[in-house]
Protein backbone atom coordinates (compact mmCIF):
# COMPACT_ATOMS: atom_id res chain seq x y z
CA UNK A 1 102.94 96.96 154.84
CA UNK A 2 100.99 95.69 151.83
CA UNK A 3 102.72 93.00 149.79
CA UNK A 4 101.92 95.12 146.72
CA UNK A 5 104.30 97.80 148.01
CA UNK A 6 107.14 95.50 146.88
CA UNK A 7 105.73 95.00 143.39
CA UNK A 8 106.44 97.10 140.30
CA UNK A 9 103.26 98.00 138.44
CA UNK A 10 102.92 99.03 134.81
CA UNK A 11 99.65 100.64 133.72
CA UNK A 12 99.07 100.56 129.94
CA UNK A 13 96.32 102.79 128.57
CA UNK A 14 96.18 105.39 125.81
CA UNK A 15 93.68 107.58 127.72
CA UNK A 16 95.17 109.94 130.39
CA UNK A 17 92.11 109.86 132.66
CA UNK A 18 91.98 106.06 132.56
CA UNK A 19 95.70 105.85 133.40
CA UNK A 20 95.24 108.17 136.37
CA UNK A 21 92.27 106.13 137.60
CA UNK A 22 94.23 102.87 137.41
CA UNK A 23 97.21 104.44 139.17
CA UNK A 24 94.95 105.68 141.98
CA UNK A 25 93.47 102.20 142.44
CA UNK A 26 96.96 100.61 142.42
CA UNK A 27 98.16 103.11 145.03
CA UNK A 28 95.05 102.50 147.14
CA UNK A 29 95.95 98.81 147.45
CA UNK A 30 99.48 99.73 148.56
CA UNK A 31 101.45 99.94 145.31
CA UNK A 32 104.46 102.23 145.56
CA UNK A 33 106.13 101.91 142.14
CA UNK A 34 103.58 102.57 139.37
CA UNK A 35 104.78 103.36 135.83
CA UNK A 36 102.77 104.33 132.77
CA UNK A 37 102.86 103.26 129.14
CA UNK A 38 100.77 105.37 126.79
CA UNK A 39 100.69 103.04 123.80
CA UNK A 40 101.72 99.69 122.38
CA UNK A 41 105.30 100.61 121.46
CA UNK A 42 105.89 102.42 124.74
CA UNK A 43 104.67 99.33 126.61
CA UNK A 44 107.04 97.00 124.75
CA UNK A 45 109.98 99.36 125.35
CA UNK A 46 109.32 99.53 129.09
CA UNK A 47 108.71 95.81 129.50
CA UNK A 48 111.81 94.93 127.48
CA UNK A 49 114.00 97.19 129.61
CA UNK A 50 112.59 96.27 133.02
CA UNK A 51 109.93 93.59 133.29
CA UNK A 52 107.27 94.66 135.81
CA UNK A 53 105.73 92.36 138.38
CA UNK A 54 102.14 93.35 137.58
CA UNK A 55 100.75 94.75 134.32
CA UNK A 56 97.32 96.35 134.13
CA UNK A 57 96.59 96.70 130.41
CA UNK A 58 93.55 98.22 128.76
CA UNK A 59 92.11 96.04 126.00
CA UNK A 60 91.83 98.93 123.51
CA UNK A 61 95.21 100.60 122.97
CA UNK A 62 94.44 102.79 119.95
CA UNK A 63 96.11 102.83 116.52
CA UNK A 64 94.45 99.52 115.68
CA UNK A 65 96.21 97.75 118.55
CA UNK A 66 94.74 95.70 121.37
CA UNK A 67 95.97 94.43 124.70
CA UNK A 68 95.54 90.88 123.36
CA UNK A 69 97.94 91.60 120.49
CA UNK A 70 100.43 93.06 122.95
CA UNK A 71 100.23 89.97 125.12
CA UNK A 72 100.77 87.70 122.12
CA UNK A 73 103.84 89.67 121.03
CA UNK A 74 105.29 89.59 124.55
CA UNK A 75 104.81 85.83 124.82
CA UNK A 76 106.17 85.06 121.35
CA UNK A 77 109.32 87.09 121.90
CA UNK A 78 109.72 85.75 125.45
CA UNK A 79 109.63 89.24 126.93
CA UNK A 80 107.27 88.35 129.76
CA UNK A 81 108.26 85.90 132.47
CA UNK A 82 105.61 83.38 133.53
CA UNK A 83 105.91 84.80 137.03
CA UNK A 84 104.77 88.26 135.90
CA UNK A 85 101.08 89.07 136.14
CA UNK A 86 99.28 90.37 133.04
CA UNK A 87 95.73 91.52 133.78
CA UNK A 88 93.47 92.80 131.01
CA UNK A 89 91.25 95.77 131.84
CA UNK A 90 88.18 96.14 129.65
CA UNK A 91 84.84 97.88 129.52
CA UNK A 92 83.35 95.10 127.40
CA UNK A 93 81.08 92.62 129.14
CA UNK A 94 81.52 90.33 126.14
CA UNK A 95 85.29 90.05 126.67
CA UNK A 96 84.81 86.70 128.40
CA UNK A 97 83.81 85.20 125.05
CA UNK A 98 87.06 86.42 123.51
CA UNK A 99 89.38 85.26 126.27
CA UNK A 100 87.74 81.84 126.56
CA UNK A 101 88.76 81.07 122.97
CA UNK A 102 92.34 82.23 122.62
CA UNK A 103 95.46 80.23 123.41
CA UNK A 104 97.63 83.06 124.71
CA UNK A 105 95.44 84.20 127.59
CA UNK A 106 96.02 86.95 130.18
CA UNK A 107 96.32 85.79 133.77
CA UNK A 108 92.94 87.38 134.43
CA UNK A 109 90.72 90.20 133.28
CA UNK A 110 88.65 92.77 135.11
CA UNK A 111 85.72 94.78 133.78
CA UNK A 112 85.53 98.54 134.34
CA UNK A 113 84.50 100.15 136.60
CA UNK A 114 85.93 98.18 139.51
CA UNK A 115 86.85 98.84 143.13
CA UNK A 116 90.25 98.46 144.81
CA UNK A 117 88.85 95.54 146.82
CA UNK A 118 87.86 93.72 143.64
CA UNK A 119 91.34 94.26 142.16
CA UNK A 120 93.00 92.94 145.33
CA UNK A 121 90.77 89.87 145.25
CA UNK A 122 91.78 89.13 141.66
CA UNK A 123 95.48 89.82 142.21
CA UNK A 124 95.62 87.71 145.37
CA UNK A 125 94.12 84.82 143.45
CA UNK A 126 96.63 85.17 140.59
CA UNK A 127 99.59 85.44 142.95
CA UNK A 128 98.52 82.21 144.67
CA UNK A 129 98.39 80.52 141.28
CA UNK A 130 101.82 81.86 140.29
CA UNK A 131 103.26 80.52 143.53
CA UNK A 132 101.65 77.12 142.91
CA UNK A 133 103.26 76.84 139.44
CA UNK A 134 106.60 78.40 140.44
CA UNK A 135 108.71 75.23 140.24
CA UNK A 136 107.08 74.22 136.97
CA UNK A 137 107.86 77.62 135.42
CA UNK A 138 111.54 77.21 136.31
CA UNK A 139 111.83 73.79 134.63
CA UNK A 140 109.82 74.93 131.61
CA UNK A 141 112.15 77.92 131.14
CA UNK A 142 115.16 75.58 131.16
CA UNK A 143 113.37 73.26 128.66
CA UNK A 144 113.71 70.43 131.16
CA UNK A 145 110.57 68.83 129.81
CA UNK A 146 110.69 65.58 131.78
CA UNK A 147 111.08 67.47 135.06
CA UNK A 148 108.31 69.90 134.09
CA UNK A 149 105.95 67.02 133.31
CA UNK A 150 106.79 65.30 136.60
CA UNK A 151 105.93 68.45 138.55
CA UNK A 152 102.64 68.85 136.69
CA UNK A 153 101.75 65.20 137.30
CA UNK A 154 102.37 65.59 141.03
CA UNK A 155 100.34 68.80 141.10
CA UNK A 156 97.52 67.20 139.15
CA UNK A 157 97.04 64.61 141.87
CA UNK A 158 97.34 67.05 144.78
CA UNK A 159 94.54 68.67 146.74
CA UNK A 160 96.14 72.08 146.15
CA UNK A 161 95.93 71.50 142.41
CA UNK A 162 92.16 71.05 142.25
CA UNK A 163 91.38 74.71 141.45
CA UNK A 164 93.93 74.59 138.60
CA UNK A 165 93.02 71.24 137.06
CA UNK A 166 92.35 72.56 133.54
CA UNK A 167 95.41 74.79 133.61
CA UNK A 168 97.56 71.80 134.66
CA UNK A 169 96.14 69.72 131.80
CA UNK A 170 96.68 72.57 129.37
CA UNK A 171 100.29 73.11 130.43
CA UNK A 172 100.94 69.37 130.25
CA UNK A 173 99.66 69.20 126.66
CA UNK A 174 101.78 72.21 125.67
CA UNK A 175 104.91 70.69 127.21
CA UNK A 176 104.33 67.43 125.32
CA UNK A 177 103.92 69.34 122.06
CA UNK A 178 107.00 71.51 122.69
CA UNK A 179 109.08 68.45 123.57
CA UNK A 180 108.26 66.83 120.22
CA UNK A 181 105.75 64.27 121.49
CA UNK A 182 102.92 65.27 119.17
CA UNK A 183 101.06 61.98 119.64
CA UNK A 184 101.15 62.40 123.41
CA UNK A 185 100.03 66.00 123.03
CA UNK A 186 97.11 64.95 120.84
CA UNK A 187 95.92 62.48 123.47
CA UNK A 188 96.33 65.09 126.21
CA UNK A 189 94.24 67.64 124.32
CA UNK A 190 91.61 65.00 123.52
CA UNK A 191 91.46 64.15 127.22
CA UNK A 192 90.63 67.78 127.99
CA UNK A 193 87.89 67.78 125.33
CA UNK A 194 86.23 64.79 126.99
CA UNK A 195 85.34 67.12 129.87
CA UNK A 196 84.89 70.49 128.19
CA UNK A 197 84.83 71.82 124.63
CA UNK A 198 87.58 74.43 124.93
CA UNK A 199 88.34 75.93 121.48
CA UNK A 200 92.05 76.13 122.36
CA UNK A 201 92.06 72.40 123.17
CA UNK A 202 90.43 71.56 119.84
CA UNK A 203 93.05 73.76 118.14
CA UNK A 204 95.69 71.87 120.14
CA UNK A 205 94.45 68.59 118.66
CA UNK A 206 94.71 70.12 115.18
CA UNK A 207 98.22 71.40 115.84
CA UNK A 208 99.30 67.98 117.13
CA UNK A 209 97.87 66.24 114.06
CA UNK A 210 99.58 68.80 111.80
CA UNK A 211 102.91 67.95 113.44
CA UNK A 212 102.20 64.28 112.66
CA UNK A 213 101.47 65.23 109.04
CA UNK A 214 97.89 63.95 109.40
CA UNK A 215 96.66 66.86 107.34
CA UNK A 216 93.09 65.81 106.55
CA UNK A 217 92.36 65.05 110.19
CA UNK A 218 94.01 68.29 111.30
CA UNK A 219 91.97 70.24 108.77
CA UNK A 220 88.73 68.67 110.01
CA UNK A 221 89.51 69.65 113.61
CA UNK A 222 90.57 73.22 112.88
CA UNK A 223 87.57 73.81 110.61
CA UNK A 224 85.35 73.20 113.65
CA UNK A 225 87.27 75.75 115.70
CA UNK A 226 87.26 78.47 113.03
CA UNK A 227 83.53 77.98 112.39
CA UNK A 228 82.60 78.22 116.06
CA UNK A 229 85.00 80.98 117.19
CA UNK A 230 85.63 83.46 114.34
CA UNK A 231 87.55 85.83 116.64
CA UNK A 232 90.12 83.10 117.45
CA UNK A 233 92.63 84.40 114.92
CA UNK A 234 95.43 81.98 115.84
CA UNK A 235 93.11 79.17 114.77
CA UNK A 236 92.79 80.84 111.36
CA UNK A 237 96.60 80.99 111.15
CA UNK A 238 96.80 77.27 111.89
CA UNK A 239 94.13 76.50 109.28
CA UNK A 240 96.12 78.49 106.72
CA UNK A 241 99.28 76.55 107.58
CA UNK A 242 97.44 73.28 107.12
CA UNK A 243 96.01 74.49 103.80
CA UNK A 244 99.53 75.33 102.61
CA UNK A 245 100.75 71.88 103.64
CA UNK A 246 97.90 70.42 101.56
CA UNK A 247 98.90 72.55 98.57
CA UNK A 248 95.78 74.73 98.81
CA UNK A 249 97.66 78.02 98.67
CA UNK A 250 94.85 80.19 97.31
CA UNK A 251 92.60 79.25 100.21
CA UNK A 252 95.41 79.84 102.70
CA UNK A 253 96.02 83.30 101.26
CA UNK A 254 92.31 84.16 101.41
CA UNK A 255 92.03 83.08 105.05
CA UNK A 256 95.06 85.11 106.08
CA UNK A 257 94.07 88.13 104.03
CA UNK A 258 90.69 88.25 105.79
CA UNK A 259 92.24 87.99 109.26
CA UNK A 260 95.10 90.39 108.48
CA UNK A 261 92.56 93.08 107.61
CA UNK A 262 91.16 92.72 111.14
CA UNK A 263 94.63 92.74 112.73
CA UNK A 264 96.60 95.13 110.48
CA UNK A 265 99.55 95.44 112.85
CA UNK A 266 100.11 91.76 113.50
CA UNK A 267 103.33 91.29 111.54
CA UNK A 268 103.73 87.60 112.37
CA UNK A 269 100.48 87.01 110.54
CA UNK A 270 101.62 89.19 107.65
CA UNK A 271 104.75 87.07 107.27
CA UNK A 272 102.53 84.02 106.94
CA UNK A 273 100.32 85.84 104.43
CA UNK A 274 103.38 86.72 102.32
CA UNK A 275 104.47 83.07 102.36
CA UNK A 276 101.01 81.94 101.24
CA UNK A 277 100.96 84.58 98.51
CA UNK A 278 104.42 83.49 97.30
CA UNK A 279 103.32 79.85 97.06
CA UNK A 280 100.09 80.98 95.36
CA UNK A 281 102.04 82.91 92.72
CA UNK A 282 100.65 86.28 93.85
CA UNK A 283 103.98 88.08 93.63
CA UNK A 284 102.48 91.57 93.92
CA UNK A 285 100.87 90.82 97.29
CA UNK A 286 103.95 88.97 98.59
CA UNK A 287 106.21 91.92 97.70
CA UNK A 288 103.90 94.49 99.25
CA UNK A 289 103.38 92.53 102.46
CA UNK A 290 107.06 91.74 103.05
CA UNK A 291 108.06 95.33 102.30
CA UNK A 292 105.51 96.38 104.94
CA UNK A 293 106.94 93.90 107.46
CA UNK A 294 110.56 94.98 106.90
CA UNK A 295 109.68 98.68 107.08
CA UNK A 296 107.16 98.69 109.93
CA UNK A 297 107.71 95.78 112.33
CA UNK A 298 109.39 97.96 114.92
CA UNK A 299 109.77 95.35 117.66
CA UNK A 300 113.55 95.47 118.35
CA UNK A 301 115.23 92.55 116.63
CA UNK A 302 111.96 91.44 114.99
CA UNK A 303 113.10 91.93 111.39
CA UNK A 304 115.56 89.11 110.70
CA UNK A 305 117.82 88.22 107.77
CA UNK A 306 115.22 85.55 106.93
CA UNK A 307 112.63 88.33 106.50
CA UNK A 308 114.92 90.11 104.05
CA UNK A 309 115.41 86.84 102.19
CA UNK A 310 111.62 86.47 101.98
CA UNK A 311 111.38 90.00 100.57
CA UNK A 312 114.12 89.28 98.03
CA UNK A 313 112.38 86.01 97.11
CA UNK A 314 109.16 87.86 96.33
CA UNK A 315 111.08 90.47 94.32
CA UNK A 316 112.80 87.75 92.28
CA UNK A 317 109.39 86.14 91.67
CA UNK A 318 108.15 89.52 90.43
CA UNK A 319 111.25 89.79 88.19
CA UNK A 320 112.25 92.97 90.02
CA UNK A 321 115.90 91.93 90.08
CA UNK A 322 117.25 95.41 90.86
CA UNK A 323 115.21 95.59 94.08
CA UNK A 324 116.10 91.99 94.95
CA UNK A 325 119.81 92.73 94.58
CA UNK A 326 119.47 95.85 96.73
CA UNK A 327 117.66 93.87 99.43
CA UNK A 328 120.27 91.11 99.46
CA UNK A 329 123.40 93.25 99.41
CA UNK A 330 121.85 95.30 102.21
CA UNK A 331 122.50 92.39 104.56
CA UNK A 332 125.55 93.07 106.70
CA UNK A 333 128.53 90.74 106.56
CA UNK A 334 128.18 90.15 110.33
CA UNK A 335 124.60 88.98 109.71
CA UNK A 336 125.74 86.73 106.88
CA UNK A 337 128.30 84.99 109.07
CA UNK A 338 125.58 84.03 111.57
CA UNK A 339 123.25 82.51 108.98
CA UNK A 340 122.67 78.76 109.02
CA UNK A 341 123.18 76.69 105.86
CA UNK A 342 119.54 77.01 104.81
CA UNK A 343 119.69 80.81 104.85
CA UNK A 344 123.14 80.92 103.22
CA UNK A 345 121.92 78.64 100.44
CA UNK A 346 118.83 80.82 99.86
CA UNK A 347 120.97 83.96 99.86
CA UNK A 348 123.40 82.54 97.33
CA UNK A 349 120.60 81.20 95.12
CA UNK A 350 118.64 84.46 95.06
CA UNK A 351 121.78 86.55 94.54
CA UNK A 352 122.88 84.31 91.65
CA UNK A 353 119.66 85.29 89.86
CA UNK A 354 119.46 88.97 90.81
CA UNK A 355 123.19 89.74 90.56
CA UNK A 356 125.00 86.91 88.71
CA UNK A 357 128.43 88.50 89.01
CA UNK A 358 128.21 88.52 92.80
CA UNK A 359 126.02 85.50 93.31
CA UNK A 360 127.35 82.80 91.00
CA UNK A 361 130.72 82.31 92.78
CA UNK A 362 128.99 82.07 96.17
CA UNK A 363 126.39 79.67 94.72
CA UNK A 364 129.10 77.48 93.17
CA UNK A 365 131.01 77.39 96.47
CA UNK A 366 127.96 76.05 98.30
CA UNK A 367 126.97 73.55 95.60
CA UNK A 368 128.54 70.49 97.28
CA UNK A 369 126.61 71.24 100.47
CA UNK A 370 123.43 71.80 98.44
CA UNK A 371 123.84 68.32 96.96
CA UNK A 372 124.41 66.56 100.27
CA UNK A 373 122.76 68.43 103.15
CA UNK A 374 119.24 68.20 104.56
CA UNK A 375 117.66 71.54 103.73
CA UNK A 376 114.40 73.36 104.48
CA UNK A 377 111.68 73.52 101.82
CA UNK A 378 112.11 77.24 101.06
CA UNK A 379 115.86 76.80 100.62
CA UNK A 380 115.42 73.85 98.28
CA UNK A 381 112.93 75.86 96.20
CA UNK A 382 115.36 78.78 95.99
CA UNK A 383 118.19 76.47 94.92
CA UNK A 384 115.96 74.73 92.38
CA UNK A 385 114.94 78.07 90.86
CA UNK A 386 118.53 79.26 90.59
CA UNK A 387 119.87 75.94 89.30
CA UNK A 388 117.28 75.90 86.53
CA UNK A 389 118.14 79.48 85.59
CA UNK A 390 121.85 78.58 85.47
CA UNK A 391 121.27 75.38 83.51
CA UNK A 392 122.49 73.12 86.34
CA UNK A 393 119.99 70.32 85.74
CA UNK A 394 121.65 67.87 88.11
CA UNK A 395 121.33 70.23 91.07
CA UNK A 396 117.78 71.26 90.17
CA UNK A 397 116.61 67.66 89.78
CA UNK A 398 118.26 66.68 93.05
CA UNK A 399 116.26 69.36 94.87
CA UNK A 400 113.03 68.38 93.10
CA UNK A 401 113.48 64.73 94.03
CA UNK A 402 114.19 65.61 97.67
CA UNK A 403 111.13 67.87 97.82
CA UNK A 404 108.83 65.28 96.25
CA UNK A 405 110.06 62.64 98.67
CA UNK A 406 109.59 64.91 101.69
CA UNK A 407 106.60 65.50 103.93
CA UNK A 408 106.01 68.95 102.41
CA UNK A 409 105.70 67.70 98.82
CA UNK A 410 102.15 69.04 98.41
CA UNK A 411 103.19 72.43 99.76
CA UNK A 412 106.02 72.84 97.25
CA UNK A 413 104.57 70.99 94.25
CA UNK A 414 102.99 73.96 92.48
CA UNK A 415 106.10 76.12 92.81
CA UNK A 416 108.32 73.34 91.43
CA UNK A 417 106.05 72.64 88.49
CA UNK A 418 105.92 76.35 87.64
CA UNK A 419 109.73 76.66 87.62
CA UNK A 420 110.23 73.59 85.42
CA UNK A 421 107.57 74.92 83.03
CA UNK A 422 109.29 78.29 82.82
CA UNK A 423 112.43 76.54 81.59
CA UNK A 424 110.69 74.14 79.19
CA UNK A 425 111.38 71.07 81.31
CA UNK A 426 107.83 69.93 82.14
CA UNK A 427 108.48 66.39 80.89
CA UNK A 428 111.64 66.11 82.98
CA UNK A 429 109.65 67.11 86.05
CA UNK A 430 106.97 64.50 85.27
CA UNK A 431 109.69 61.87 84.94
CA UNK A 432 111.08 62.77 88.36
CA UNK A 433 107.55 62.50 89.78
CA UNK A 434 107.15 59.03 88.28
CA UNK A 435 110.47 57.81 89.69
CA UNK A 436 109.62 59.10 93.17
CA UNK A 437 106.14 57.52 92.98
CA UNK A 438 107.55 54.15 91.87
CA UNK A 439 110.13 54.23 94.63
CA UNK A 440 107.38 54.91 97.16
CA UNK A 441 105.24 52.04 95.80
CA UNK A 442 108.17 49.61 95.99
CA UNK A 443 108.93 50.77 99.51
CA UNK A 444 105.32 50.30 100.59
CA UNK A 445 105.14 46.85 98.99
CA UNK A 446 108.43 45.65 100.46
CA UNK A 447 107.91 42.84 103.01
CA UNK A 448 108.20 44.02 106.58
CA UNK A 449 110.81 42.27 108.74
CA UNK A 450 109.20 39.78 111.12
CA UNK A 451 109.25 40.62 114.79
């Protein structure tokens, strides 16, 4: 009996004849359980409900979707186990150029037309690789990073690991980055680049530098990637994030707008575009994009309370307070109870502006926490906006000082300055800037304790 008789196959293709051809080939190699998905949404539904062992996915899925986008969504929402096989099926000879650049790669790809023997050869090779990394996958899933790194180190030095040397190095760099060791990750990615100029490794260096807040260096690295591999859209996302961190919001919005037009159904990217537009003061675009995300991102559980807060934020920016109130009160009480302090603070701040009668008591109740807690940048900006509107200068200035002292000061500077200007407090904002700058100078000039 063929070992493929025990495996569940899922064939994803929007063309009936192509699906039938793939099913015939799968059955020829011994597959017994072969299911179909006719489009992107159907594929996600089937995978979510019962993850197959082997996925054969056509690259072109229709409706502006691609197999690469599907793979990225599955990975980001953790719907696909590392042990599952995802093979891209394409008629494009040039696909190799695409897959060599991206970070979220399929396990393999095969170019149509192909024979059953060729498919078996590819699948056998992937299954051997999955078996080799099996223990690593288990530790990675448990976020046991030290154990995962130890397994990879042992594999790296083994004879059996020689065919997978770049994959081992890649996984090691990703584990270091995910564990919070961005400096170690940077060195790991640079080590890979000493042997081969992989675009994903160069992007990994940029991501590691971004985590270290070395923005100019990160920008230099990601510029090289974007220039050399224009179809590497995740690299464009990273460049936009770095631009936002540098306070260059207009450029970030332009980058994301260009890429979003090429990937109109990538709603993760649209969320980032809305954020860039918000920081850039383009309220019309931010509103339109977030409304699109909330209405059309049909991945189950994809639209979160944070998305609705982002929509309400853009509506408040546009002074559409009726829509903002409707968006906020549309959140269920059960959802509200599960929000962390950042989200609760943003909710209260935005509601205090759009519906003062409902929002002010909630905002006042959270004020002590707003004055004492460590909060995310977006939450601090929401609080600052509301505090200025309510005339609570102490609370507003506290948020401004915390933002200016933080690592994301450049990202939030324009939005802060705009809010202070709207309320006629430009000089007060400049004074806060001066105090923060003087404090930083004194800190930098303070004598360092001797070793």
